[in-house]
Amino acid sequence: MRYRRRRPELSIDDLLPRFDEEGQWAGDLAARSEARETLTDGRETQELVRRCIDRLPEVYRSVLILRDIEDLDTAEAAEMLAITPNAAKIRLHRARQALKTLIERESCLL
């Protein structure tokens, strides 16, 4: 508990996908499909993903990089971050959701 008071986790609620009462995606589907078509250049896509990863809070960015880029397994990533494997899985899931949302938002601006 002391650790959490000293290092509070940043909320990523604004970056997570939104759903309506019926469970449908609340975002604009037409804008998303148009945005995907504009990302044909591989370098442009890579740069977009890098920028979006950089915008993630550190606790989520670090687990995403260790698991998805460095290709470590959950136990190794958790050990390096001094967290439980379950916490690493939860952070990774949230990081991926937030990254997806960031990429969709950024690609709509292109």
N, C-alpha and C. Protein backbone atom coordinates (compact mmCIF):
# COMPACT_ATOMS: atom_id res chain seq x y z
N MET A 1 0.82 -1.18 0.00
CA MET A 1 0.00 0.00 0.00
C MET A 1 0.87 1.26 0.00
N ARG A 2 1.98 1.21 0.73
CA ARG A 2 2.88 2.36 0.73
C ARG A 2 3.43 2.61 -0.66
N TYR A 3 3.78 1.54 -1.34
CA TYR A 3 4.33 1.66 -2.68
C TYR A 3 3.32 2.36 -3.60
N ARG A 4 2.06 1.97 -3.52
CA ARG A 4 1.03 2.56 -4.37
C ARG A 4 0.81 4.03 -4.06
N ARG A 5 0.94 4.41 -2.78
CA ARG A 5 0.79 5.82 -2.43
C ARG A 5 1.92 6.64 -3.02
N ARG A 6 3.11 6.09 -3.02
CA ARG A 6 4.26 6.81 -3.56
C ARG A 6 4.25 6.84 -5.08
N ARG A 7 3.77 5.79 -5.71
CA ARG A 7 3.78 5.69 -7.17
C ARG A 7 2.39 5.34 -7.67
N PRO A 8 1.48 6.28 -7.66
CA PRO A 8 0.12 5.98 -8.12
C PRO A 8 0.11 5.68 -9.62
N GLU A 9 -0.76 4.75 -10.01
CA GLU A 9 -0.88 4.42 -11.43
C GLU A 9 -1.70 5.48 -12.13
N LEU A 10 -1.29 5.82 -13.32
CA LEU A 10 -2.02 6.78 -14.13
C LEU A 10 -3.20 6.08 -14.79
N SER A 11 -4.32 6.73 -14.84
CA SER A 11 -5.51 6.17 -15.45
C SER A 11 -5.39 6.23 -16.97
N ILE A 12 -5.83 5.16 -17.62
CA ILE A 12 -5.87 5.15 -19.08
C ILE A 12 -7.30 5.03 -19.57
N ASP A 13 -8.25 5.36 -18.72
CA ASP A 13 -9.66 5.24 -19.08
C ASP A 13 -10.00 6.01 -20.36
N ASP A 14 -9.38 7.16 -20.57
CA ASP A 14 -9.65 7.95 -21.78
C ASP A 14 -9.16 7.25 -23.04
N LEU A 15 -8.25 6.32 -22.90
CA LEU A 15 -7.66 5.65 -24.06
C LEU A 15 -8.35 4.33 -24.39
N LEU A 16 -9.20 3.85 -23.50
CA LEU A 16 -9.85 2.57 -23.71
C LEU A 16 -11.05 2.73 -24.64
N PRO A 17 -11.40 1.66 -25.37
CA PRO A 17 -12.56 1.74 -26.27
C PRO A 17 -13.85 1.99 -25.50
N ARG A 18 -14.79 2.64 -26.13
CA ARG A 18 -16.08 2.94 -25.51
C ARG A 18 -17.18 2.14 -26.21
N PHE A 19 -18.16 1.70 -25.42
CA PHE A 19 -19.27 0.93 -25.94
C PHE A 19 -20.58 1.53 -25.47
N ASP A 20 -21.62 1.39 -26.28
CA ASP A 20 -22.93 1.91 -25.88
C ASP A 20 -23.65 0.88 -25.01
N GLU A 21 -24.91 1.16 -24.66
CA GLU A 21 -25.68 0.29 -23.76
C GLU A 21 -25.89 -1.11 -24.32
N GLU A 22 -25.93 -1.24 -25.64
CA GLU A 22 -26.14 -2.54 -26.27
C GLU A 22 -24.84 -3.32 -26.49
N GLY A 23 -23.72 -2.75 -26.08
CA GLY A 23 -22.44 -3.41 -26.23
C GLY A 23 -21.78 -3.17 -27.58
N GLN A 24 -22.31 -2.25 -28.37
CA GLN A 24 -21.74 -1.93 -29.67
C GLN A 24 -20.66 -0.86 -29.53
N TRP A 25 -19.70 -0.89 -30.41
CA TRP A 25 -18.63 0.10 -30.42
C TRP A 25 -19.23 1.49 -30.56
N ALA A 26 -18.83 2.43 -29.71
CA ALA A 26 -19.40 3.77 -29.72
C ALA A 26 -18.66 4.71 -30.66
N GLY A 27 -17.57 4.26 -31.27
CA GLY A 27 -16.81 5.11 -32.18
C GLY A 27 -17.45 5.16 -33.56
N ASP A 28 -16.95 6.03 -34.40
CA ASP A 28 -17.45 6.21 -35.75
C ASP A 28 -16.80 5.17 -36.66
N LEU A 29 -17.58 4.17 -37.11
CA LEU A 29 -17.04 3.09 -37.94
C LEU A 29 -16.59 3.58 -39.31
N ALA A 30 -17.29 4.51 -39.89
CA ALA A 30 -16.91 5.01 -41.21
C ALA A 30 -15.56 5.70 -41.15
N ALA A 31 -15.35 6.50 -40.13
CA ALA A 31 -14.06 7.19 -39.99
C ALA A 31 -12.93 6.20 -39.77
N ARG A 32 -13.21 5.13 -39.02
CA ARG A 32 -12.16 4.13 -38.79
C ARG A 32 -11.78 3.41 -40.07
N SER A 33 -12.75 3.02 -40.88
CA SER A 33 -12.42 2.29 -42.11
C SER A 33 -11.69 3.19 -43.10
N GLU A 34 -12.08 4.46 -43.20
CA GLU A 34 -11.38 5.40 -44.07
C GLU A 34 -9.95 5.61 -43.59
N ALA A 35 -9.77 5.69 -42.29
CA ALA A 35 -8.43 5.90 -41.73
C ALA A 35 -7.52 4.72 -42.04
N ARG A 36 -8.06 3.53 -41.99
CA ARG A 36 -7.24 2.34 -42.28
C ARG A 36 -6.73 2.35 -43.71
N GLU A 37 -7.54 2.84 -44.63
CA GLU A 37 -7.13 2.90 -46.03
C GLU A 37 -5.98 3.87 -46.25
N THR A 38 -5.90 4.89 -45.41
CA THR A 38 -4.83 5.88 -45.59
C THR A 38 -3.48 5.38 -45.06
N LEU A 39 -3.48 4.30 -44.30
CA LEU A 39 -2.24 3.80 -43.71
C LEU A 39 -1.60 2.72 -44.58
N THR A 40 -1.45 2.99 -45.84
CA THR A 40 -0.89 2.00 -46.75
C THR A 40 0.63 1.95 -46.70
N ASP A 41 1.26 3.03 -46.39
CA ASP A 41 2.72 3.07 -46.35
C ASP A 41 3.21 2.44 -45.05
N GLY A 42 4.06 1.43 -45.16
CA GLY A 42 4.58 0.73 -43.98
C GLY A 42 5.35 1.62 -43.02
N ARG A 43 6.16 2.51 -43.55
CA ARG A 43 6.93 3.41 -42.69
C ARG A 43 6.02 4.36 -41.93
N GLU A 44 5.00 4.84 -42.60
CA GLU A 44 4.04 5.72 -41.96
C GLU A 44 3.34 5.00 -40.80
N THR A 45 2.99 3.76 -41.05
CA THR A 45 2.33 2.95 -40.02
C THR A 45 3.26 2.72 -38.84
N GLN A 46 4.51 2.36 -39.11
CA GLN A 46 5.48 2.13 -38.04
C GLN A 46 5.66 3.38 -37.20
N GLU A 47 5.78 4.51 -37.84
CA GLU A 47 5.96 5.76 -37.11
C GLU A 47 4.73 6.08 -36.26
N LEU A 48 3.57 5.82 -36.80
CA LEU A 48 2.33 6.04 -36.05
C LEU A 48 2.28 5.16 -34.81
N VAL A 49 2.63 3.90 -34.97
CA VAL A 49 2.61 2.97 -33.83
C VAL A 49 3.65 3.39 -32.79
N ARG A 50 4.82 3.79 -33.22
CA ARG A 50 5.85 4.24 -32.28
C ARG A 50 5.39 5.46 -31.48
N ARG A 51 4.78 6.42 -32.18
CA ARG A 51 4.28 7.62 -31.49
C ARG A 51 3.21 7.25 -30.47
N CYS A 52 2.34 6.34 -30.84
CA CYS A 52 1.26 5.94 -29.93
C CYS A 52 1.80 5.17 -28.73
N ILE A 53 2.78 4.32 -28.94
CA ILE A 53 3.40 3.60 -27.82
C ILE A 53 4.04 4.59 -26.87
N ASP A 54 4.70 5.60 -27.41
CA ASP A 54 5.35 6.61 -26.57
C ASP A 54 4.35 7.40 -25.73
N ARG A 55 3.12 7.48 -26.17
CA ARG A 55 2.10 8.22 -25.43
C ARG A 55 1.48 7.41 -24.28
N LEU A 56 1.72 6.11 -24.24
CA LEU A 56 1.20 5.29 -23.15
C LEU A 56 1.92 5.63 -21.84
N PRO A 57 1.20 5.55 -20.72
CA PRO A 57 1.88 5.72 -19.42
C PRO A 57 2.97 4.66 -19.26
N GLU A 58 4.02 4.98 -18.54
CA GLU A 58 5.20 4.12 -18.40
C GLU A 58 4.86 2.70 -17.96
N VAL A 59 3.97 2.53 -17.00
CA VAL A 59 3.68 1.17 -16.50
C VAL A 59 3.07 0.29 -17.58
N TYR A 60 2.32 0.88 -18.48
CA TYR A 60 1.72 0.11 -19.57
C TYR A 60 2.69 -0.03 -20.74
N ARG A 61 3.42 1.03 -21.02
CA ARG A 61 4.39 1.00 -22.12
C ARG A 61 5.46 -0.06 -21.87
N SER A 62 5.96 -0.12 -20.64
CA SER A 62 7.06 -1.05 -20.34
C SER A 62 6.63 -2.50 -20.52
N VAL A 63 5.46 -2.87 -20.04
CA VAL A 63 5.02 -4.26 -20.19
C VAL A 63 4.72 -4.57 -21.65
N LEU A 64 4.18 -3.62 -22.39
CA LEU A 64 3.91 -3.83 -23.81
C LEU A 64 5.21 -4.06 -24.59
N ILE A 65 6.21 -3.26 -24.30
CA ILE A 65 7.49 -3.40 -24.98
C ILE A 65 8.15 -4.74 -24.64
N LEU A 66 8.15 -5.09 -23.37
CA LEU A 66 8.78 -6.36 -22.97
C LEU A 66 8.09 -7.56 -23.60
N ARG A 67 6.77 -7.57 -23.63
CA ARG A 67 6.03 -8.72 -24.14
C ARG A 67 5.93 -8.73 -25.66
N ASP A 68 5.55 -7.62 -26.26
CA ASP A 68 5.25 -7.62 -27.69
C ASP A 68 6.43 -7.26 -28.58
N ILE A 69 7.38 -6.51 -28.06
CA ILE A 69 8.52 -6.12 -28.89
C ILE A 69 9.75 -6.96 -28.55
N GLU A 70 10.05 -7.07 -27.26
CA GLU A 70 11.20 -7.87 -26.83
C GLU A 70 10.89 -9.36 -26.82
N ASP A 71 9.62 -9.72 -26.92
CA ASP A 71 9.16 -11.11 -27.00
C ASP A 71 9.46 -11.94 -25.76
N LEU A 72 9.46 -11.32 -24.59
CA LEU A 72 9.64 -12.07 -23.35
C LEU A 72 8.32 -12.73 -22.96
N ASP A 73 8.40 -13.83 -22.21
CA ASP A 73 7.15 -14.41 -21.75
C ASP A 73 6.65 -13.65 -20.53
N THR A 74 5.45 -13.96 -20.10
CA THR A 74 4.81 -13.21 -19.03
C THR A 74 5.61 -13.25 -17.74
N ALA A 75 6.11 -14.40 -17.38
CA ALA A 75 6.87 -14.55 -16.13
C ALA A 75 8.14 -13.70 -16.15
N GLU A 76 8.86 -13.71 -17.28
CA GLU A 76 10.08 -12.92 -17.40
C GLU A 76 9.79 -11.42 -17.32
N ALA A 77 8.74 -10.99 -18.03
CA ALA A 77 8.38 -9.58 -18.00
C ALA A 77 7.96 -9.16 -16.60
N ALA A 78 7.18 -9.99 -15.93
CA ALA A 78 6.72 -9.69 -14.57
C ALA A 78 7.91 -9.58 -13.62
N GLU A 79 8.85 -10.48 -13.76
CA GLU A 79 10.04 -10.45 -12.90
C GLU A 79 10.85 -9.17 -13.13
N MET A 80 11.02 -8.78 -14.37
CA MET A 80 11.78 -7.57 -14.67
C MET A 80 11.08 -6.31 -14.13
N LEU A 81 9.75 -6.35 -14.10
CA LEU A 81 8.99 -5.20 -13.63
C LEU A 81 8.66 -5.27 -12.14
N ALA A 82 9.06 -6.36 -11.50
CA ALA A 82 8.81 -6.58 -10.07
C ALA A 82 7.32 -6.56 -9.75
N ILE A 83 6.55 -7.25 -10.60
CA ILE A 83 5.12 -7.39 -10.38
C ILE A 83 4.75 -8.86 -10.55
N THR A 84 3.54 -9.21 -10.20
CA THR A 84 3.10 -10.59 -10.37
C THR A 84 2.79 -10.85 -11.84
N PRO A 85 2.86 -12.11 -12.25
CA PRO A 85 2.49 -12.43 -13.63
C PRO A 85 1.05 -12.01 -13.96
N ASN A 86 0.15 -12.15 -13.00
CA ASN A 86 -1.24 -11.74 -13.24
C ASN A 86 -1.32 -10.23 -13.49
N ALA A 87 -0.60 -9.45 -12.70
CA ALA A 87 -0.58 -7.99 -12.90
C ALA A 87 0.00 -7.65 -14.27
N ALA A 88 1.00 -8.40 -14.70
CA ALA A 88 1.60 -8.16 -16.02
C ALA A 88 0.58 -8.44 -17.12
N LYS A 89 -0.20 -9.51 -16.98
CA LYS A 89 -1.22 -9.84 -17.97
C LYS A 89 -2.28 -8.75 -18.05
N ILE A 90 -2.70 -8.26 -16.89
CA ILE A 90 -3.72 -7.22 -16.85
C ILE A 90 -3.20 -5.94 -17.49
N ARG A 91 -1.98 -5.55 -17.14
CA ARG A 91 -1.40 -4.33 -17.71
C ARG A 91 -1.22 -4.46 -19.21
N LEU A 92 -0.80 -5.65 -19.66
CA LEU A 92 -0.60 -5.87 -21.09
C LEU A 92 -1.93 -5.75 -21.83
N HIS A 93 -2.97 -6.34 -21.29
CA HIS A 93 -4.29 -6.26 -21.92
C HIS A 93 -4.74 -4.81 -22.02
N ARG A 94 -4.61 -4.07 -20.94
CA ARG A 94 -5.01 -2.67 -20.94
C ARG A 94 -4.14 -1.84 -21.88
N ALA A 95 -2.85 -2.15 -21.92
CA ALA A 95 -1.95 -1.42 -22.81
C ALA A 95 -2.32 -1.65 -24.27
N ARG A 96 -2.66 -2.88 -24.61
CA ARG A 96 -3.05 -3.18 -25.99
C ARG A 96 -4.34 -2.47 -26.36
N GLN A 97 -5.30 -2.46 -25.44
CA GLN A 97 -6.55 -1.75 -25.70
C GLN A 97 -6.30 -0.26 -25.90
N ALA A 98 -5.49 0.31 -25.01
CA ALA A 98 -5.19 1.74 -25.11
C ALA A 98 -4.44 2.04 -26.40
N LEU A 99 -3.49 1.19 -26.76
CA LEU A 99 -2.73 1.40 -27.99
C LEU A 99 -3.64 1.35 -29.21
N LYS A 100 -4.54 0.40 -29.23
CA LYS A 100 -5.50 0.30 -30.34
C LYS A 100 -6.31 1.58 -30.46
N THR A 101 -6.80 2.07 -29.35
CA THR A 101 -7.59 3.30 -29.36
C THR A 101 -6.76 4.49 -29.84
N LEU A 102 -5.53 4.60 -29.34
CA LEU A 102 -4.65 5.69 -29.76
C LEU A 102 -4.37 5.64 -31.26
N ILE A 103 -4.11 4.45 -31.77
CA ILE A 103 -3.82 4.29 -33.21
C ILE A 103 -5.03 4.69 -34.03
N GLU A 104 -6.22 4.28 -33.59
CA GLU A 104 -7.44 4.64 -34.32
C GLU A 104 -7.65 6.15 -34.29
N ARG A 105 -7.42 6.78 -33.15
CA ARG A 105 -7.58 8.23 -33.06
C ARG A 105 -6.58 8.94 -33.94
N GLU A 106 -5.33 8.52 -33.88
CA GLU A 106 -4.27 9.17 -34.67
C GLU A 106 -4.50 8.97 -36.17
N SER A 107 -4.93 7.78 -36.56
CA SER A 107 -5.10 7.52 -37.99
C SER A 107 -6.29 8.29 -38.53
N CYS A 108 -7.25 8.63 -37.69
CA CYS A 108 -8.38 9.46 -38.13
C CYS A 108 -7.94 10.88 -38.43
N LEU A 109 -6.86 11.31 -37.80
CA LEU A 109 -6.36 12.66 -38.00
C LEU A 109 -5.53 12.81 -39.26
N LEU A 110 -5.13 11.68 -39.83
CA LEU A 110 -4.28 11.74 -41.03
C LEU A 110 -5.07 12.13 -42.26
